[in-house]
Amino acid sequence: MRIVKRDGRIDMIEGVERIEDRTKIVDILKQHDYQNIEIKQSDGRIVLINRTVKTKVK
């Protein structure tokens, strides 16, 4: 988890989660509006999917 501050106040919270490799990439993209997705492949197979979800604090 990472907390981003702006002007001394918490602006955004980021959390990393591991996703099951059987999940379709299109479905992963539809789940959140703000996210970073890391995909690792070995021998033509996806071996790891990590997603960093960003939540803006109001």
PDB file of N, CA and C in Angstrom:
ATOM      1  N   MET A   1       0.843  -1.161   0.000  1.00  0.00           N
ATOM      2  CA  MET A   1       0.000   0.000   0.000  1.00  0.00           C
ATOM      3  C   MET A   1       0.897   1.235   0.000  1.00  0.00           C
ATOM      4  N   ARG A   2       0.432   2.242  -0.714  1.00  0.00           N
ATOM      5  CA  ARG A   2       1.178   3.497  -0.794  1.00  0.00           C
ATOM      6  C   ARG A   2       0.195   4.651  -0.631  1.00  0.00           C
ATOM      7  N   ILE A   3       0.608   5.649   0.118  1.00  0.00           N
ATOM      8  CA  ILE A   3      -0.207   6.836   0.337  1.00  0.00           C
ATOM      9  C   ILE A   3       0.484   8.014  -0.329  1.00  0.00           C
ATOM     10  N   VAL A   4      -0.260   8.756  -1.149  1.00  0.00           N
ATOM     11  CA  VAL A   4       0.283   9.910  -1.858  1.00  0.00           C
ATOM     12  C   VAL A   4      -0.279  11.169  -1.218  1.00  0.00           C
ATOM     13  N   LYS A   5       0.623  12.056  -0.813  1.00  0.00           N
ATOM     14  CA  LYS A   5       0.214  13.317  -0.198  1.00  0.00           C
ATOM     15  C   LYS A   5       0.417  14.460  -1.173  1.00  0.00           C
ATOM     16  N   ARG A   6      -0.457  15.444  -1.084  1.00  0.00           N
ATOM     17  CA  ARG A   6      -0.327  16.663  -1.869  1.00  0.00           C
ATOM     18  C   ARG A   6      -0.691  17.825  -0.948  1.00  0.00           C
ATOM     19  N   ASP A   7       0.188  18.782  -0.843  1.00  0.00           N
ATOM     20  CA  ASP A   7       0.002  19.939   0.038  1.00  0.00           C
ATOM     21  C   ASP A   7      -0.219  19.516   1.488  1.00  0.00           C
ATOM     22  N   GLY A   8       0.481  18.456   1.922  1.00  0.00           N
ATOM     23  CA  GLY A   8       0.407  18.006   3.308  1.00  0.00           C
ATOM     24  C   GLY A   8      -0.830  17.191   3.637  1.00  0.00           C
ATOM     25  N   ARG A   9      -1.691  16.941   2.669  1.00  0.00           N
ATOM     26  CA  ARG A   9      -2.909  16.172   2.905  1.00  0.00           C
ATOM     27  C   ARG A   9      -2.885  14.910   2.045  1.00  0.00           C
ATOM     28  N   ILE A  10      -3.528  13.857   2.540  1.00  0.00           N
ATOM     29  CA  ILE A  10      -3.607  12.607   1.786  1.00  0.00           C
ATOM     30  C   ILE A  10      -4.472  12.838   0.547  1.00  0.00           C
ATOM     31  N   ASP A  11      -3.898  12.562  -0.616  1.00  0.00           N
ATOM     32  CA  ASP A  11      -4.586  12.795  -1.888  1.00  0.00           C
ATOM     33  C   ASP A  11      -5.058  11.492  -2.530  1.00  0.00           C
ATOM     34  N   MET A  12      -4.236  10.423  -2.394  1.00  0.00           N
ATOM     35  CA  MET A  12      -4.561   9.176  -3.071  1.00  0.00           C
ATOM     36  C   MET A  12      -3.986   7.999  -2.289  1.00  0.00           C
ATOM     37  N   ILE A  13      -4.698   6.888  -2.324  1.00  0.00           N
ATOM     38  CA  ILE A  13      -4.231   5.641  -1.719  1.00  0.00           C
ATOM     39  C   ILE A  13      -4.125   4.610  -2.837  1.00  0.00           C
ATOM     40  N   GLU A  14      -2.978   3.919  -2.880  1.00  0.00           N
ATOM     41  CA  GLU A  14      -2.750   2.894  -3.903  1.00  0.00           C
ATOM     42  C   GLU A  14      -2.533   1.546  -3.230  1.00  0.00           C
ATOM     43  N   GLY A  15      -3.218   0.528  -3.706  1.00  0.00           N
ATOM     44  CA  GLY A  15      -3.070  -0.823  -3.176  1.00  0.00           C
ATOM     45  C   GLY A  15      -2.775  -1.796  -4.298  1.00  0.00           C
ATOM     46  N   VAL A  16      -1.892  -2.766  -4.040  1.00  0.00           N
ATOM     47  CA  VAL A  16      -1.501  -3.759  -5.050  1.00  0.00           C
ATOM     48  C   VAL A  16      -2.198  -5.079  -4.738  1.00  0.00           C
ATOM     49  N   GLU A  17      -2.738  -5.715  -5.779  1.00  0.00           N
ATOM     50  CA  GLU A  17      -3.342  -7.026  -5.602  1.00  0.00           C
ATOM     51  C   GLU A  17      -2.907  -7.957  -6.731  1.00  0.00           C
ATOM     52  N   ARG A  18      -2.793  -9.214  -6.400  1.00  0.00           N
ATOM     53  CA  ARG A  18      -2.454 -10.228  -7.400  1.00  0.00           C
ATOM     54  C   ARG A  18      -3.749 -10.810  -7.941  1.00  0.00           C
ATOM     55  N   ILE A  19      -3.818 -10.955  -9.250  1.00  0.00           N
ATOM     56  CA  ILE A  19      -5.028 -11.426  -9.904  1.00  0.00           C
ATOM     57  C   ILE A  19      -4.781 -12.817 -10.461  1.00  0.00           C
ATOM     58  N   GLU A  20      -5.806 -13.644 -10.388  1.00  0.00           N
ATOM     59  CA  GLU A  20      -5.714 -14.993 -10.929  1.00  0.00           C
ATOM     60  C   GLU A  20      -5.434 -14.935 -12.430  1.00  0.00           C
ATOM     61  N   ASP A  21      -4.498 -15.728 -12.908  1.00  0.00           N
ATOM     62  CA  ASP A  21      -4.077 -15.642 -14.314  1.00  0.00           C
ATOM     63  C   ASP A  21      -5.134 -16.142 -15.291  1.00  0.00           C
ATOM     64  N   ARG A  22      -6.211 -16.692 -14.816  1.00  0.00           N
ATOM     65  CA  ARG A  22      -7.281 -17.151 -15.715  1.00  0.00           C
ATOM     66  C   ARG A  22      -8.263 -16.034 -16.048  1.00  0.00           C
ATOM     67  N   THR A  23      -8.148 -14.901 -15.377  1.00  0.00           N
ATOM     68  CA  THR A  23      -9.049 -13.778 -15.599  1.00  0.00           C
ATOM     69  C   THR A  23      -8.727 -13.111 -16.935  1.00  0.00           C
ATOM     70  N   LYS A  24      -9.745 -12.777 -17.707  1.00  0.00           N
ATOM     71  CA  LYS A  24      -9.537 -12.126 -18.991  1.00  0.00           C
ATOM     72  C   LYS A  24      -9.065 -10.692 -18.771  1.00  0.00           C
ATOM     73  N   ILE A  25      -8.115 -10.253 -19.569  1.00  0.00           N
ATOM     74  CA  ILE A  25      -7.550  -8.912 -19.439  1.00  0.00           C
ATOM     75  C   ILE A  25      -8.622  -7.843 -19.645  1.00  0.00           C
ATOM     76  N   VAL A  26      -9.538  -8.077 -20.555  1.00  0.00           N
ATOM     77  CA  VAL A  26     -10.622  -7.113 -20.799  1.00  0.00           C
ATOM     78  C   VAL A  26     -11.465  -6.939 -19.535  1.00  0.00           C
ATOM     79  N   ASP A  27     -11.741  -8.026 -18.832  1.00  0.00           N
ATOM     80  CA  ASP A  27     -12.519  -7.942 -17.596  1.00  0.00           C
ATOM     81  C   ASP A  27     -11.762  -7.186 -16.509  1.00  0.00           C
ATOM     82  N   ILE A  28     -10.448  -7.376 -16.447  1.00  0.00           N
ATOM     83  CA  ILE A  28      -9.619  -6.663 -15.468  1.00  0.00           C
ATOM     84  C   ILE A  28      -9.682  -5.165 -15.735  1.00  0.00           C
ATOM     85  N   LEU A  29      -9.592  -4.776 -16.995  1.00  0.00           N
ATOM     86  CA  LEU A  29      -9.617  -3.361 -17.356  1.00  0.00           C
ATOM     87  C   LEU A  29     -10.946  -2.695 -16.997  1.00  0.00           C
ATOM     88  N   LYS A  30     -12.030  -3.425 -17.069  1.00  0.00           N
ATOM     89  CA  LYS A  30     -13.352  -2.869 -16.791  1.00  0.00           C
ATOM     90  C   LYS A  30     -13.638  -2.689 -15.295  1.00  0.00           C
ATOM     91  N   GLN A  31     -12.865  -3.331 -14.427  1.00  0.00           N
ATOM     92  CA  GLN A  31     -13.182  -3.353 -13.000  1.00  0.00           C
ATOM     93  C   GLN A  31     -12.909  -2.041 -12.277  1.00  0.00           C
ATOM     94  N   HIS A  32     -11.923  -1.248 -12.704  1.00  0.00           N
ATOM     95  CA  HIS A  32     -11.564  -0.003 -12.025  1.00  0.00           C
ATOM     96  C   HIS A  32     -11.260   1.088 -13.042  1.00  0.00           C
ATOM     97  N   ASP A  33     -11.534   2.335 -12.654  1.00  0.00           N
ATOM     98  CA  ASP A  33     -11.261   3.468 -13.544  1.00  0.00           C
ATOM     99  C   ASP A  33      -9.792   3.875 -13.519  1.00  0.00           C
ATOM    100  N   TYR A  34      -9.132   3.734 -12.357  1.00  0.00           N
ATOM    101  CA  TYR A  34      -7.734   4.148 -12.204  1.00  0.00           C
ATOM    102  C   TYR A  34      -6.941   2.949 -11.707  1.00  0.00           C
ATOM    103  N   GLN A  35      -6.069   2.425 -12.565  1.00  0.00           N
ATOM    104  CA  GLN A  35      -5.272   1.266 -12.186  1.00  0.00           C
ATOM    105  C   GLN A  35      -4.054   1.124 -13.087  1.00  0.00           C
ATOM    106  N   ASN A  36      -3.029   0.480 -12.560  1.00  0.00           N
ATOM    107  CA  ASN A  36      -1.863   0.073 -13.338  1.00  0.00           C
ATOM    108  C   ASN A  36      -1.855  -1.449 -13.325  1.00  0.00           C
ATOM    109  N   ILE A  37      -1.598  -2.053 -14.480  1.00  0.00           N
ATOM    110  CA  ILE A  37      -1.609  -3.507 -14.582  1.00  0.00           C
ATOM    111  C   ILE A  37      -0.244  -3.976 -15.069  1.00  0.00           C
ATOM    112  N   GLU A  38       0.317  -4.953 -14.355  1.00  0.00           N
ATOM    113  CA  GLU A  38       1.603  -5.548 -14.720  1.00  0.00           C
ATOM    114  C   GLU A  38       1.346  -7.012 -15.086  1.00  0.00           C
ATOM    115  N   ILE A  39       1.781  -7.405 -16.278  1.00  0.00           N
ATOM    116  CA  ILE A  39       1.595  -8.776 -16.750  1.00  0.00           C
ATOM    117  C   ILE A  39       2.958  -9.354 -17.085  1.00  0.00           C
ATOM    118  N   LYS A  40       3.249 -10.525 -16.523  1.00  0.00           N
ATOM    119  CA  LYS A  40       4.515 -11.214 -16.827  1.00  0.00           C
ATOM    120  C   LYS A  40       4.191 -12.510 -17.555  1.00  0.00           C
ATOM    121  N   GLN A  41       5.003 -12.783 -18.579  1.00  0.00           N
ATOM    122  CA  GLN A  41       4.788 -13.947 -19.426  1.00  0.00           C
ATOM    123  C   GLN A  41       6.076 -14.775 -19.478  1.00  0.00           C
ATOM    124  N   SER A  42       5.913 -16.103 -19.479  1.00  0.00           N
ATOM    125  CA  SER A  42       7.054 -17.005 -19.594  1.00  0.00           C
ATOM    126  C   SER A  42       6.640 -18.175 -20.476  1.00  0.00           C
ATOM    127  N   ASP A  43       7.456 -18.470 -21.467  1.00  0.00           N
ATOM    128  CA  ASP A  43       7.166 -19.557 -22.417  1.00  0.00           C
ATOM    129  C   ASP A  43       5.778 -19.421 -23.038  1.00  0.00           C
ATOM    130  N   GLY A  44       5.356 -18.185 -23.332  1.00  0.00           N
ATOM    131  CA  GLY A  44       4.079 -17.955 -23.984  1.00  0.00           C
ATOM    132  C   GLY A  44       2.867 -17.987 -23.066  1.00  0.00           C
ATOM    133  N   ARG A  45       3.079 -18.236 -21.770  1.00  0.00           N
ATOM    134  CA  ARG A  45       1.972 -18.298 -20.807  1.00  0.00           C
ATOM    135  C   ARG A  45       2.066 -17.134 -19.832  1.00  0.00           C
ATOM    136  N   ILE A  46       0.929 -16.598 -19.447  1.00  0.00           N
ATOM    137  CA  ILE A  46       0.903 -15.555 -18.425  1.00  0.00           C
ATOM    138  C   ILE A  46       1.157 -16.220 -17.080  1.00  0.00           C
ATOM    139  N   VAL A  47       2.160 -15.730 -16.355  1.00  0.00           N
ATOM    140  CA  VAL A  47       2.520 -16.320 -15.070  1.00  0.00           C
ATOM    141  C   VAL A  47       2.202 -15.399 -13.889  1.00  0.00           C
ATOM    142  N   LEU A  48       1.964 -14.108 -14.164  1.00  0.00           N
ATOM    143  CA  LEU A  48       1.705 -13.177 -13.070  1.00  0.00           C
ATOM    144  C   LEU A  48       0.927 -11.976 -13.583  1.00  0.00           C
ATOM    145  N   ILE A  49      -0.113 -11.599 -12.844  1.00  0.00           N
ATOM    146  CA  ILE A  49      -0.840 -10.355 -13.114  1.00  0.00           C
ATOM    147  C   ILE A  49      -0.971  -9.623 -11.789  1.00  0.00           C
ATOM    148  N   ASN A  50      -0.394  -8.442 -11.709  1.00  0.00           N
ATOM    149  CA  ASN A  50      -0.538  -7.576 -10.544  1.00  0.00           C
ATOM    150  C   ASN A  50      -1.272  -6.317 -10.969  1.00  0.00           C
ATOM    151  N   ARG A  51      -2.152  -5.850 -10.094  1.00  0.00           N
ATOM    152  CA  ARG A  51      -2.888  -4.626 -10.374  1.00  0.00           C
ATOM    153  C   ARG A  51      -2.696  -3.667  -9.207  1.00  0.00           C
ATOM    154  N   THR A  52      -2.351  -2.425  -9.523  1.00  0.00           N
ATOM    155  CA  THR A  52      -2.286  -1.363  -8.526  1.00  0.00           C
ATOM    156  C   THR A  52      -3.518  -0.497  -8.740  1.00  0.00           C
ATOM    157  N   VAL A  53      -4.407  -0.507  -7.732  1.00  0.00           N
ATOM    158  CA  VAL A  53      -5.637   0.266  -7.806  1.00  0.00           C
ATOM    159  C   VAL A  53      -5.430   1.581  -7.082  1.00  0.00           C
ATOM    160  N   LYS A  54      -5.835   2.656  -7.722  1.00  0.00           N
ATOM    161  CA  LYS A  54      -5.668   3.994  -7.169  1.00  0.00           C
ATOM    162  C   LYS A  54      -7.034   4.529  -6.739  1.00  0.00           C
ATOM    163  N   THR A  55      -7.106   4.978  -5.475  1.00  0.00           N
ATOM    164  CA  THR A  55      -8.337   5.538  -4.946  1.00  0.00           C
ATOM    165  C   THR A  55      -8.077   6.972  -4.502  1.00  0.00           C
ATOM    166  N   LYS A  56      -8.783   7.910  -5.089  1.00  0.00           N
ATOM    167  CA  LYS A  56      -8.622   9.322  -4.765  1.00  0.00           C
ATOM    168  C   LYS A  56      -9.404   9.622  -3.490  1.00  0.00           C
ATOM    169  N   VAL A  57      -8.749  10.298  -2.539  1.00  0.00           N
ATOM    170  CA  VAL A  57      -9.383  10.675  -1.276  1.00  0.00           C
ATOM    171  C   VAL A  57      -9.964  12.075  -1.451  1.00  0.00           C
ATOM    172  N   LYS A  58     -11.218  12.246  -1.059  1.00  0.00           N
ATOM    173  CA  LYS A  58     -11.879  13.543  -1.226  1.00  0.00           C
ATOM    174  C   LYS A  58     -11.659  14.452  -0.055  1.00  0.00           C
TER     175      LYS A  58
END
